[in-house]
Amino acid sequence: HLSGKSIVKTGWYKRDELQDLLDRHEIDVVCNLSIVAETFCYTLSEVIACGVPTIVTDIGALGERMRNMKCGWIVPQNATAEVVIRKLDEIQNDLKEYDQIRTRTGLYHVKTIDEMVNSYRQLYKASKKIRKAIRQITL
């Protein structure tokens, strides 16, 4: 139900189009207002990788990751449109905080798929060694 000249609803997009969409529409803040708990949320990663702060609902991985990353703001899980608009007004009225969060967002490193794959490979190698050591101890 949100509408207005300063609100852009892009609909579906291809991953490689995101940075251009954000730049073309001069997006300052993205709202990722999930109503269901997600276990990771790649959309959040993609937006943060583009350097844009995000407002998320406090549910599942969204709230947890935002608390850790500090690249945006958190609204309650059941936030109404009025609550989100109030948060947007707060952001607009505190540009110093916005600039700090935008800077932090631009510095945050989101792992690439290759980096994630390598991390998992190292984790699996380490777990194999641990399982082998446990088997030797229990024999």
Protein backbone atom coordinates (compact mmCIF):
# COMPACT_ATOMS: atom_id res chain seq x y z
CA HIS A 1 0.00 0.00 0.00
CA LEU A 2 3.03 2.26 0.02
CA SER A 3 3.13 4.63 -2.88
CA GLY A 4 4.63 7.94 -3.80
CA LYS A 5 7.17 9.63 -6.00
CA SER A 6 10.07 8.60 -3.78
CA ILE A 7 9.10 4.92 -3.49
CA VAL A 8 10.25 2.53 -6.20
CA LYS A 9 8.82 -0.97 -6.53
CA THR A 10 10.97 -2.81 -9.05
CA GLY A 11 9.27 -6.18 -9.05
CA TRP A 12 11.31 -9.14 -10.30
CA TYR A 13 14.89 -8.53 -11.38
CA LYS A 14 17.88 -10.54 -12.51
CA ARG A 15 20.78 -10.68 -10.11
CA ASP A 16 23.20 -8.97 -12.47
CA GLU A 17 20.71 -6.08 -12.92
CA LEU A 18 20.48 -5.15 -9.24
CA GLN A 19 23.32 -2.62 -9.03
CA ASP A 20 22.03 -0.85 -12.15
CA LEU A 21 18.47 -0.80 -10.76
CA LEU A 22 19.61 0.68 -7.47
CA ASP A 23 21.79 3.27 -9.21
CA ARG A 24 19.25 4.18 -11.90
CA HIS A 25 16.48 4.77 -9.37
CA GLU A 26 18.86 6.44 -6.89
CA ILE A 27 17.81 4.03 -4.12
CA ASP A 28 19.04 5.18 -0.71
CA VAL A 29 17.36 2.50 1.40
CA VAL A 30 15.93 -0.91 0.55
CA CYS A 31 13.07 -2.39 2.57
CA ASN A 32 13.27 -6.17 2.97
CA LEU A 33 10.13 -6.75 5.00
CA SER A 34 9.69 -10.49 5.08
CA ILE A 35 6.76 -11.90 7.05
CA VAL A 36 8.29 -15.39 7.29
CA ALA A 37 11.51 -16.50 8.93
CA GLU A 38 14.25 -17.03 6.39
CA THR A 39 17.39 -19.03 7.08
CA PHE A 40 19.79 -16.70 5.23
CA CYS A 41 18.20 -14.28 2.70
CA TYR A 42 20.32 -13.84 -0.41
CA THR A 43 18.42 -10.67 -1.27
CA LEU A 44 19.86 -9.02 1.83
CA SER A 45 23.35 -10.13 0.81
CA GLU A 46 22.89 -8.79 -2.71
CA VAL A 47 21.69 -5.38 -1.54
CA ILE A 48 24.48 -5.07 1.05
CA ALA A 49 27.02 -6.08 -1.62
CA CYS A 50 25.70 -3.13 -3.66
CA GLY A 51 26.36 -0.84 -0.69
CA VAL A 52 22.76 0.11 0.09
CA PRO A 53 21.52 0.13 3.70
CA THR A 54 18.41 -1.93 4.35
CA ILE A 55 15.42 -1.95 6.65
CA VAL A 56 14.52 -5.51 7.66
CA THR A 57 11.87 -7.12 9.79
CA ASP A 58 13.06 -8.73 13.00
CA ILE A 59 12.39 -12.30 11.95
CA GLY A 60 14.73 -15.20 11.30
CA ALA A 61 18.02 -14.49 9.60
CA LEU A 62 17.04 -10.96 8.60
CA GLY A 63 17.05 -9.55 12.11
CA GLU A 64 19.95 -11.72 13.22
CA ARG A 65 22.18 -10.80 10.28
CA MET A 66 21.33 -7.10 10.49
CA ARG A 67 22.26 -7.02 14.19
CA ASN A 68 25.61 -8.59 13.27
CA MET A 69 26.30 -6.53 10.13
CA LYS A 70 24.94 -3.19 11.37
CA CYS A 71 24.21 -2.20 7.75
CA GLY A 72 20.70 -0.90 8.28
CA TRP A 73 17.72 -0.86 10.59
CA ILE A 74 15.35 -3.38 12.12
CA VAL A 75 11.60 -3.00 12.53
CA PRO A 76 9.37 -5.39 14.47
CA GLN A 77 8.27 -8.59 12.76
CA ASN A 78 4.67 -7.37 12.61
CA ALA A 79 5.51 -3.80 11.57
CA THR A 80 2.72 -1.95 9.81
CA ALA A 81 3.24 0.40 6.88
CA GLU A 82 2.99 3.28 9.36
CA VAL A 83 5.86 1.85 11.43
CA VAL A 84 8.03 1.52 8.32
CA ILE A 85 7.18 5.05 7.17
CA ARG A 86 8.05 6.34 10.65
CA LYS A 87 11.42 4.54 10.40
CA LEU A 88 12.02 6.09 6.96
CA ASP A 89 11.21 9.53 8.42
CA GLU A 90 13.68 8.91 11.28
CA ILE A 91 16.36 7.97 8.77
CA GLN A 92 15.67 11.05 6.67
CA ASN A 93 15.82 13.26 9.77
CA ASP A 94 19.15 11.84 10.96
CA LEU A 95 21.41 12.02 7.92
CA LYS A 96 24.54 11.73 10.09
CA GLU A 97 23.44 8.26 11.22
CA TYR A 98 22.41 7.40 7.64
CA ASP A 99 25.86 8.41 6.33
CA GLN A 100 27.57 6.28 9.02
CA ILE A 101 25.46 3.24 8.17
CA ARG A 102 25.90 3.79 4.42
CA THR A 103 29.68 3.95 4.92
CA ARG A 104 29.62 0.78 7.04
CA THR A 105 27.50 -0.94 4.40
CA GLY A 106 29.96 0.00 1.65
CA LEU A 107 32.83 -1.47 3.67
CA TYR A 108 31.05 -4.72 4.54
CA HIS A 109 32.36 -7.66 2.53
CA VAL A 110 29.75 -10.14 1.36
CA LYS A 111 31.33 -13.45 0.42
CA THR A 112 31.10 -14.45 -3.20
CA ILE A 113 29.75 -17.88 -4.10
CA ASP A 114 33.33 -19.08 -4.74
CA GLU A 115 34.40 -17.83 -1.31
CA MET A 116 31.45 -19.61 0.33
CA VAL A 117 32.27 -22.84 -1.52
CA ASN A 118 35.90 -22.63 -0.37
CA SER A 119 34.78 -21.97 3.22
CA TYR A 120 32.55 -25.04 3.13
CA ARG A 121 35.35 -27.15 1.65
CA GLN A 122 37.63 -26.14 4.51
CA LEU A 123 34.88 -26.85 7.02
CA TYR A 124 34.27 -30.31 5.55
CA LYS A 125 38.00 -31.10 5.57
CA ALA A 126 38.24 -30.04 9.21
CA SER A 127 35.17 -32.10 10.17
CA LYS A 128 36.65 -35.19 8.45
CA LYS A 129 39.82 -34.81 10.53
CA ILE A 130 37.79 -34.40 13.72
CA ARG A 131 35.63 -37.45 12.95
CA LYS A 132 38.77 -39.49 12.21
CA ALA A 133 40.36 -38.40 15.48
CA ILE A 134 37.20 -39.26 17.44
CA ARG A 135 37.08 -42.72 15.85
CA GLN A 136 40.71 -43.33 16.84
CA ILE A 137 40.03 -42.23 20.43
CA THR A 138 36.96 -44.44 20.79
CA LEU A 139 38.74 -47.53 19.45
